[in-house]
């Protein structure tokens, strides 16, 4: 194998595929990146068996072939080289990187030990997805997935597709995030992908500015994302997701329309003291058209007031401030609606005019003082 390419192009491609390199494995080949040189193109591939990433870049190929290199060392070398042409070639044991002033020789890993990354499964259905819509939906849901690996599918995002819309849902036991968008789908599909992996896909899409659309190809056990010259193959999570529709409360006894920015700023200020207490506790008190946010700890107390539009009963309820802030940061609207049923039932945050998203936040018991 021998080829020449630009340092900057190669470094960017390595950054992309490195997202699939396993950092915890004891299997050496999973710490590597497979380099394949063929027909004036270089294909870089990495896999941790749950996610595999392949990316093509153009290069001047003199000799076709393939090598498996240690991802971290090879990537560090390429990133440290100046932005000029690099010639890369291998022999049976080593791979050499050479430019005008530097030459590195690095030991290769056995190519035959690299896992086979198969892009295709039989009977695939494709869905064309607007890149900005996908990035936005993942942003609005992924934060609510569990980070506790023992919770199985709750560490993932459930995606449901039908003929008219697509939705994503994440739950961690304390909050729920649901978002939907209009889309033209041919068949009904649903699948669960790790929230961590979905965030990696979001990063890849954000970094690739050449294509406005991504293609999602569905298989029984894998789903493939095609993003320009990048292919991401994901092993789907197995298991039954919670029937989330059954846990979203019906319309509550109190409905408030609130300005997002002023509310978020008030919660963030109140959380400065909430962090010093237990459960990051903040107290919301809704009386007439005034929402009062309070928090107290051994360090002091705080009181914030926000003008709102209210329908229904007055209410007092407590929340973990972090969960409220996470939801507010996911919302782009200037105003939102929050529905309360009782002081011990989950609150439901929705959009003002359309039912585009729903956030459910479990309350925290307010201590009686």
Protein backbone atom coordinates (compact mmCIF):
# COMPACT_ATOMS: atom_id res chain seq x y z
CA UNK A 1 0.00 0.00 0.00
CA UNK A 2 1.24 3.47 -0.89
CA UNK A 3 -0.65 6.74 -1.22
CA UNK A 4 -0.32 10.50 -0.84
CA UNK A 5 -2.94 12.83 0.64
CA UNK A 6 -3.31 16.18 2.40
CA UNK A 7 -2.66 16.22 6.14
CA UNK A 8 -5.72 18.34 6.96
CA UNK A 9 -8.11 16.09 5.03
CA UNK A 10 -6.67 12.93 6.60
CA UNK A 11 -6.72 14.42 10.12
CA UNK A 12 -10.39 15.42 9.79
CA UNK A 13 -11.33 11.94 8.55
CA UNK A 14 -9.42 10.31 11.43
CA UNK A 15 -11.30 12.50 13.93
CA UNK A 16 -14.58 11.22 12.50
CA UNK A 17 -13.83 7.49 12.48
CA UNK A 18 -12.08 7.65 15.86
CA UNK A 19 -15.52 8.12 17.43
CA UNK A 20 -16.02 4.37 16.91
CA UNK A 21 -12.68 3.32 18.41
CA UNK A 22 -13.11 1.40 21.65
CA UNK A 23 -11.29 2.92 24.63
CA UNK A 24 -12.08 0.18 27.16
CA UNK A 25 -11.55 -3.02 25.18
CA UNK A 26 -8.76 -5.53 25.76
CA UNK A 27 -8.92 -6.55 22.07
CA UNK A 28 -6.06 -4.73 20.27
CA UNK A 29 -7.78 -4.68 16.86
CA UNK A 30 -10.70 -2.67 18.27
CA UNK A 31 -8.24 0.06 19.20
CA UNK A 32 -7.22 0.32 15.55
CA UNK A 33 -8.28 2.03 12.34
CA UNK A 34 -8.28 0.03 9.12
CA UNK A 35 -6.81 1.93 6.15
CA UNK A 36 -7.74 0.66 2.69
CA UNK A 37 -6.20 2.22 -0.43
CA UNK A 38 -8.00 1.54 -3.70
CA UNK A 39 -8.86 3.39 -6.92
CA UNK A 40 -7.52 6.78 -5.77
CA UNK A 41 -9.58 6.65 -2.60
CA UNK A 42 -8.73 5.89 1.00
CA UNK A 43 -11.33 4.26 3.22
CA UNK A 44 -10.85 4.56 6.98
CA UNK A 45 -12.83 2.19 9.22
CA UNK A 46 -13.15 1.84 12.99
CA UNK A 47 -15.48 -0.33 15.05
CA UNK A 48 -16.25 -1.17 18.67
CA UNK A 49 -18.86 -3.74 17.50
CA UNK A 50 -21.77 -1.51 18.64
CA UNK A 51 -20.89 1.29 16.21
CA UNK A 52 -18.77 1.14 13.08
CA UNK A 53 -17.73 4.18 11.04
CA UNK A 54 -16.36 4.18 7.51
CA UNK A 55 -15.19 7.33 5.72
CA UNK A 56 -13.80 7.81 2.22
CA UNK A 57 -11.34 10.53 1.21
CA UNK A 58 -9.56 11.21 -2.06
CA UNK A 59 -5.88 10.37 -2.36
CA UNK A 60 -3.21 9.65 -4.96
CA UNK A 61 -2.89 5.85 -4.70
CA UNK A 62 0.29 4.35 -6.12
CA UNK A 63 -0.13 0.86 -4.65
CA UNK A 64 -3.40 -0.60 -3.43
CA UNK A 65 -3.53 -2.41 -0.12
CA UNK A 66 -4.63 -2.20 3.49
CA UNK A 67 -3.13 -1.74 6.95
CA UNK A 68 -4.45 -1.70 10.51
CA UNK A 69 -2.93 1.04 12.67
CA UNK A 70 -3.31 1.96 16.34
CA UNK A 71 -5.85 4.78 16.24
CA UNK A 72 -4.47 7.03 18.98
CA UNK A 73 -0.80 6.95 17.97
CA UNK A 74 -1.47 7.20 14.23
CA UNK A 75 -4.00 9.99 14.74
CA UNK A 76 -1.69 11.95 17.07
CA UNK A 77 1.12 11.77 14.52
CA UNK A 78 -1.06 12.97 11.64
CA UNK A 79 -2.51 15.84 13.69
CA UNK A 80 0.98 17.05 14.68
CA UNK A 81 2.28 17.12 11.10
CA UNK A 82 2.05 20.39 9.11
CA UNK A 83 -0.73 20.89 6.58
CA UNK A 84 1.04 19.56 3.52
CA UNK A 85 1.14 16.34 1.53
CA UNK A 86 1.86 13.13 3.45
CA UNK A 87 3.05 9.96 1.76
CA UNK A 88 2.06 6.79 3.59
CA UNK A 89 3.27 3.29 2.73
CA UNK A 90 3.62 -0.03 4.49
CA UNK A 91 5.57 -3.26 4.55
CA UNK A 92 4.66 -6.49 6.32
CA UNK A 93 5.12 -5.12 9.85
CA UNK A 94 5.21 -1.32 9.70
CA UNK A 95 3.53 1.72 8.22
CA UNK A 96 5.57 4.82 7.33
CA UNK A 97 4.36 8.44 7.26
CA UNK A 98 6.63 10.86 5.41
CA UNK A 99 6.49 14.51 4.42
CA UNK A 100 9.13 17.11 3.51
CA UNK A 101 10.75 17.19 6.94
CA UNK A 102 9.49 14.24 9.01
CA UNK A 103 9.38 10.47 8.81
CA UNK A 104 7.56 8.18 11.24
CA UNK A 105 7.61 4.39 11.19
CA UNK A 106 4.90 2.72 13.28
CA UNK A 107 4.23 -0.98 13.94
CA UNK A 108 1.00 -2.25 12.37
CA UNK A 109 -1.68 -4.51 13.87
CA UNK A 110 -2.76 -7.75 12.09
CA UNK A 111 -5.38 -6.81 9.48
CA UNK A 112 -7.06 -10.22 9.69
CA UNK A 113 -8.02 -9.56 13.32
CA UNK A 114 -10.13 -6.51 12.46
CA UNK A 115 -13.88 -7.28 12.64
CA UNK A 116 -15.80 -7.52 9.39
CA UNK A 117 -17.93 -4.41 8.97
CA UNK A 118 -20.86 -5.30 6.74
CA UNK A 119 -22.85 -2.36 5.48
CA UNK A 120 -25.72 -4.34 4.01
CA UNK A 121 -28.52 -6.43 5.43
CA UNK A 122 -31.29 -8.01 3.41
CA UNK A 123 -34.60 -6.21 2.87
CA UNK A 124 -33.56 -2.72 3.86
CA UNK A 125 -35.92 0.28 3.87
CA UNK A 126 -34.48 3.76 3.43
CA UNK A 127 -35.54 7.04 4.99
CA UNK A 128 -34.22 10.42 3.82
CA UNK A 129 -33.80 12.75 6.78
CA UNK A 130 -33.02 16.48 6.90
CA UNK A 131 -29.70 16.80 8.77
CA UNK A 132 -30.74 19.83 10.84
CA UNK A 133 -33.96 18.13 11.89
CA UNK A 134 -32.09 15.03 13.06
CA UNK A 135 -29.51 17.04 15.02
CA UNK A 136 -32.28 19.08 16.67
CA UNK A 137 -34.33 16.02 17.64
CA UNK A 138 -31.34 14.28 19.23
CA UNK A 139 -30.45 17.46 21.12
CA UNK A 140 -34.01 17.71 22.44
CA UNK A 141 -34.15 14.11 23.73
CA UNK A 142 -30.73 12.57 24.44
CA UNK A 143 -30.18 14.38 27.75
CA UNK A 144 -33.17 12.54 29.25
CA UNK A 145 -31.81 9.03 28.58
CA UNK A 146 -30.42 7.12 31.54
CA UNK A 147 -26.66 6.95 32.04
CA UNK A 148 -27.01 3.83 34.19
CA UNK A 149 -25.99 0.89 31.98
CA UNK A 150 -27.99 -1.50 34.20
CA UNK A 151 -31.20 0.15 32.92
CA UNK A 152 -30.82 -1.44 29.48
CA UNK A 153 -32.94 0.19 26.77
CA UNK A 154 -33.51 3.27 28.94
CA UNK A 155 -29.94 4.29 28.02
CA UNK A 156 -31.22 4.59 24.46
CA UNK A 157 -33.51 6.77 22.36
CA UNK A 158 -36.63 5.18 20.90
CA UNK A 159 -37.26 6.35 17.33
CA UNK A 160 -40.67 5.71 15.75
CA UNK A 161 -41.44 6.33 12.08
CA UNK A 162 -44.78 6.21 10.28
CA UNK A 163 -46.14 7.56 6.99
CA UNK A 164 -46.54 11.11 8.32
CA UNK A 165 -44.11 11.76 11.16
CA UNK A 166 -41.06 10.68 13.11
CA UNK A 167 -40.68 10.85 16.87
CA UNK A 168 -37.88 10.33 19.39
CA UNK A 169 -38.33 9.49 23.07
CA UNK A 170 -35.92 9.18 26.00
CA UNK A 171 -36.66 8.33 29.66
CA UNK A 172 -34.41 7.95 32.70
CA UNK A 173 -37.01 7.36 35.41
CA UNK A 174 -37.05 10.98 36.60
CA UNK A 175 -37.96 12.75 33.35
CA UNK A 176 -39.20 12.04 29.87
CA UNK A 177 -38.38 13.83 26.61
CA UNK A 178 -40.56 13.44 23.51
CA UNK A 179 -40.26 15.28 20.21
CA UNK A 180 -41.86 14.73 16.81
CA UNK A 181 -41.55 16.19 13.32
CA UNK A 182 -43.38 15.82 10.01
CA UNK A 183 -41.70 13.47 7.57
CA UNK A 184 -42.65 11.26 4.63
CA UNK A 185 -42.03 7.66 5.59
CA UNK A 186 -43.08 4.65 3.53
CA UNK A 187 -43.38 2.09 6.32
CA UNK A 188 -43.89 2.02 10.06
CA UNK A 189 -40.60 1.41 11.88
CA UNK A 190 -39.30 1.70 15.41
CA UNK A 191 -35.84 1.12 16.81
CA UNK A 192 -33.73 1.93 19.87
CA UNK A 193 -30.18 3.29 19.62
CA UNK A 194 -27.92 4.18 22.54
CA UNK A 195 -28.17 7.90 23.37
CA UNK A 196 -24.38 8.01 23.55
CA UNK A 197 -24.14 6.72 19.98
CA UNK A 198 -26.88 9.07 18.77
CA UNK A 199 -24.86 11.98 20.14
CA UNK A 200 -21.81 10.74 18.25
CA UNK A 201 -23.88 10.64 15.04
CA UNK A 202 -25.08 14.17 15.79
CA UNK A 203 -21.44 15.31 16.04
CA UNK A 204 -20.54 13.64 12.74
CA UNK A 205 -23.48 15.31 11.00
CA UNK A 206 -22.58 18.69 12.50
CA UNK A 207 -18.96 18.34 11.31
CA UNK A 208 -19.94 17.29 7.75
CA UNK A 209 -21.21 20.47 6.10
CA UNK A 210 -21.33 19.13 2.54
CA UNK A 211 -24.69 17.33 2.62
CA UNK A 212 -28.09 18.62 3.73
CA UNK A 213 -29.62 15.14 3.92
CA UNK A 214 -28.78 11.87 5.60
CA UNK A 215 -30.05 8.46 4.60
CA UNK A 216 -31.12 5.98 7.26
CA UNK A 217 -31.30 2.33 6.15
CA UNK A 218 -33.18 -0.07 8.40
CA UNK A 219 -32.29 -3.67 9.10
CA UNK A 220 -33.46 -6.15 11.70
CA UNK A 221 -30.40 -5.85 13.91
CA UNK A 222 -28.52 -2.90 12.45
CA UNK A 223 -29.29 0.56 11.16
CA UNK A 224 -27.00 2.38 8.74
CA UNK A 225 -26.63 6.17 8.51
CA UNK A 226 -25.12 7.53 5.29
CA UNK A 227 -23.80 11.07 5.73
CA UNK A 228 -22.04 12.19 2.56
CA UNK A 229 -18.87 10.08 2.33
CA UNK A 230 -19.34 8.73 5.87
CA UNK A 231 -21.19 5.52 6.72
CA UNK A 232 -22.17 4.77 10.32
CA UNK A 233 -23.39 1.25 11.09
CA UNK A 234 -25.08 0.78 14.44
CA UNK A 235 -26.15 -2.32 16.29
CA UNK A 236 -29.68 -1.76 17.54
CA UNK A 237 -30.51 -2.19 21.22
CA UNK A 238 -32.72 -5.16 22.04
CA UNK A 239 -35.58 -5.04 24.50
CA UNK A 240 -39.03 -3.56 25.02
CA UNK A 241 -39.20 0.18 25.60
CA UNK A 242 -41.55 1.58 28.24
CA UNK A 243 -45.08 2.40 27.08
CA UNK A 244 -44.33 6.10 27.45
CA UNK A 245 -47.75 7.25 26.27
CA UNK A 246 -49.40 5.67 29.29
CA UNK A 247 -47.24 7.60 31.77
CA UNK A 248 -47.81 11.10 30.37
CA UNK A 249 -50.54 12.65 32.54
CA UNK A 250 -53.73 14.01 31.01
CA UNK A 251 -54.20 17.78 31.10
CA UNK A 252 -53.66 19.11 34.60
CA UNK A 253 -55.54 21.39 36.95
CA UNK A 254 -53.12 24.27 36.41
CA UNK A 255 -51.81 25.59 33.09
CA UNK A 256 -49.15 28.29 32.87
CA UNK A 257 -47.64 30.03 29.84
CA UNK A 258 -44.12 31.20 30.71
CA UNK A 259 -41.34 33.08 28.92
CA UNK A 260 -38.51 30.60 28.47
CA UNK A 261 -35.48 32.87 28.86
CA UNK A 262 -36.60 34.72 31.99
CA UNK A 263 -37.70 31.45 33.61
CA UNK A 264 -34.41 29.70 32.78
CA UNK A 265 -32.40 32.61 34.18
CA UNK A 266 -34.45 32.53 37.40
CA UNK A 267 -34.00 28.77 37.80
CA UNK A 268 -30.25 29.01 37.16
CA UNK A 269 -29.89 31.69 39.82
CA UNK A 270 -31.99 29.71 42.29
CA UNK A 271 -29.94 26.59 41.57
CA UNK A 272 -26.81 28.29 42.91
CA UNK A 273 -28.22 27.72 46.40
CA UNK A 274 -30.13 24.54 45.48
CA UNK A 275 -26.82 22.82 44.76
CA UNK A 276 -25.78 23.43 48.36
CA UNK A 277 -28.84 21.61 49.70
CA UNK A 278 -30.37 18.19 49.06
CA UNK A 279 -31.66 17.01 45.64
CA UNK A 280 -30.92 20.41 44.04
CA UNK A 281 -34.36 21.32 45.38
CA UNK A 282 -36.19 24.39 44.11
CA UNK A 283 -39.76 25.27 45.03
CA UNK A 284 -42.25 26.70 42.50
CA UNK A 285 -45.27 28.53 43.85
CA UNK A 286 -47.97 29.60 41.36
CA UNK A 287 -50.43 32.15 42.74
CA UNK A 288 -52.64 34.15 40.35
CA UNK A 289 -50.32 35.34 37.55
CA UNK A 290 -47.10 35.14 39.52
CA UNK A 291 -44.67 32.24 39.66
CA UNK A 292 -42.27 32.40 42.59
CA UNK A 293 -39.07 30.34 42.55
CA UNK A 294 -37.41 29.79 45.92
CA UNK A 295 -34.53 27.76 47.24
CA UNK A 296 -32.84 27.55 50.60
CA UNK A 297 -29.83 25.85 52.11
CA UNK A 298 -27.55 26.29 55.10
CA UNK A 299 -25.72 28.90 53.04
CA UNK A 300 -28.75 31.12 52.52
CA UNK A 301 -31.95 31.47 50.50
CA UNK A 302 -33.16 33.00 47.26
CA UNK A 303 -36.48 34.21 45.86
CA UNK A 304 -37.23 34.88 42.18
CA UNK A 305 -40.51 36.13 40.70
CA UNK A 306 -41.74 35.59 37.13
CA UNK A 307 -44.92 37.02 35.58
CA UNK A 308 -46.95 34.28 33.81
CA UNK A 309 -50.32 33.62 32.21
CA UNK A 310 -52.21 31.13 34.36
CA UNK A 311 -55.39 29.11 34.04
CA UNK A 312 -56.72 26.94 36.86
CA UNK A 313 -55.71 26.42 40.46
CA UNK A 314 -52.81 27.85 42.44
CA UNK A 315 -50.14 25.24 43.17
CA UNK A 316 -46.88 24.64 45.00
CA UNK A 317 -44.42 22.01 43.80
CA UNK A 318 -40.74 21.13 44.14
CA UNK A 319 -38.22 19.99 41.49
CA UNK A 320 -34.60 19.02 41.06
CA UNK A 321 -33.29 22.22 39.45
CA UNK A 322 -30.98 20.31 37.08
CA UNK A 323 -33.90 18.48 35.47
CA UNK A 324 -35.77 21.76 34.89
CA UNK A 325 -32.69 23.50 33.47
CA UNK A 326 -31.99 20.60 31.07
CA UNK A 327 -35.51 20.88 29.66
CA UNK A 328 -35.33 24.66 29.31
CA UNK A 329 -32.03 24.42 27.41
CA UNK A 330 -33.61 21.95 24.98
CA UNK A 331 -36.47 24.31 24.11
CA UNK A 332 -36.01 26.88 21.33
CA UNK A 333 -39.39 28.61 21.71
CA UNK A 334 -39.71 32.02 23.35
CA UNK A 335 -42.63 30.74 25.43
CA UNK A 336 -43.75 27.33 26.62
CA UNK A 337 -46.68 25.77 28.46
CA UNK A 338 -46.36 23.83 31.71
CA UNK A 339 -49.25 21.78 33.07
CA UNK A 340 -49.48 20.80 36.75
CA UNK A 341 -51.93 18.24 38.12
CA UNK A 342 -51.00 18.17 41.81
CA UNK A 343 -47.90 18.89 43.85
CA UNK A 344 -46.92 15.21 43.69
CA UNK A 345 -47.72 14.43 40.03
CA UNK A 346 -45.28 14.96 37.15
CA UNK A 347 -45.38 18.34 35.40
CA UNK A 348 -45.69 18.32 31.60
CA UNK A 349 -43.94 20.95 29.46
CA UNK A 350 -45.26 21.48 25.91
CA UNK A 351 -45.11 24.02 23.10
CA UNK A 352 -47.67 26.85 23.03
CA UNK A 353 -49.20 26.39 19.59
CA UNK A 354 -48.30 22.90 18.37
CA UNK A 355 -47.87 19.53 20.03
CA UNK A 356 -44.26 19.23 18.78
CA UNK A 357 -42.67 18.20 22.05
CA UNK A 358 -43.49 17.01 25.55
CA UNK A 359 -41.25 16.95 28.61
CA UNK A 360 -42.32 15.20 31.78
CA UNK A 361 -40.50 16.10 35.01
CA UNK A 362 -41.07 14.22 38.25
CA UNK A 363 -41.43 16.45 41.32
CA UNK A 364 -39.36 16.28 44.48
CA UNK A 365 -41.16 16.08 47.82
CA UNK A 366 -41.03 19.44 49.57
CA UNK A 367 -39.93 19.04 53.19
CA UNK A 368 -42.40 20.43 55.70
CA UNK A 369 -40.74 23.20 57.68
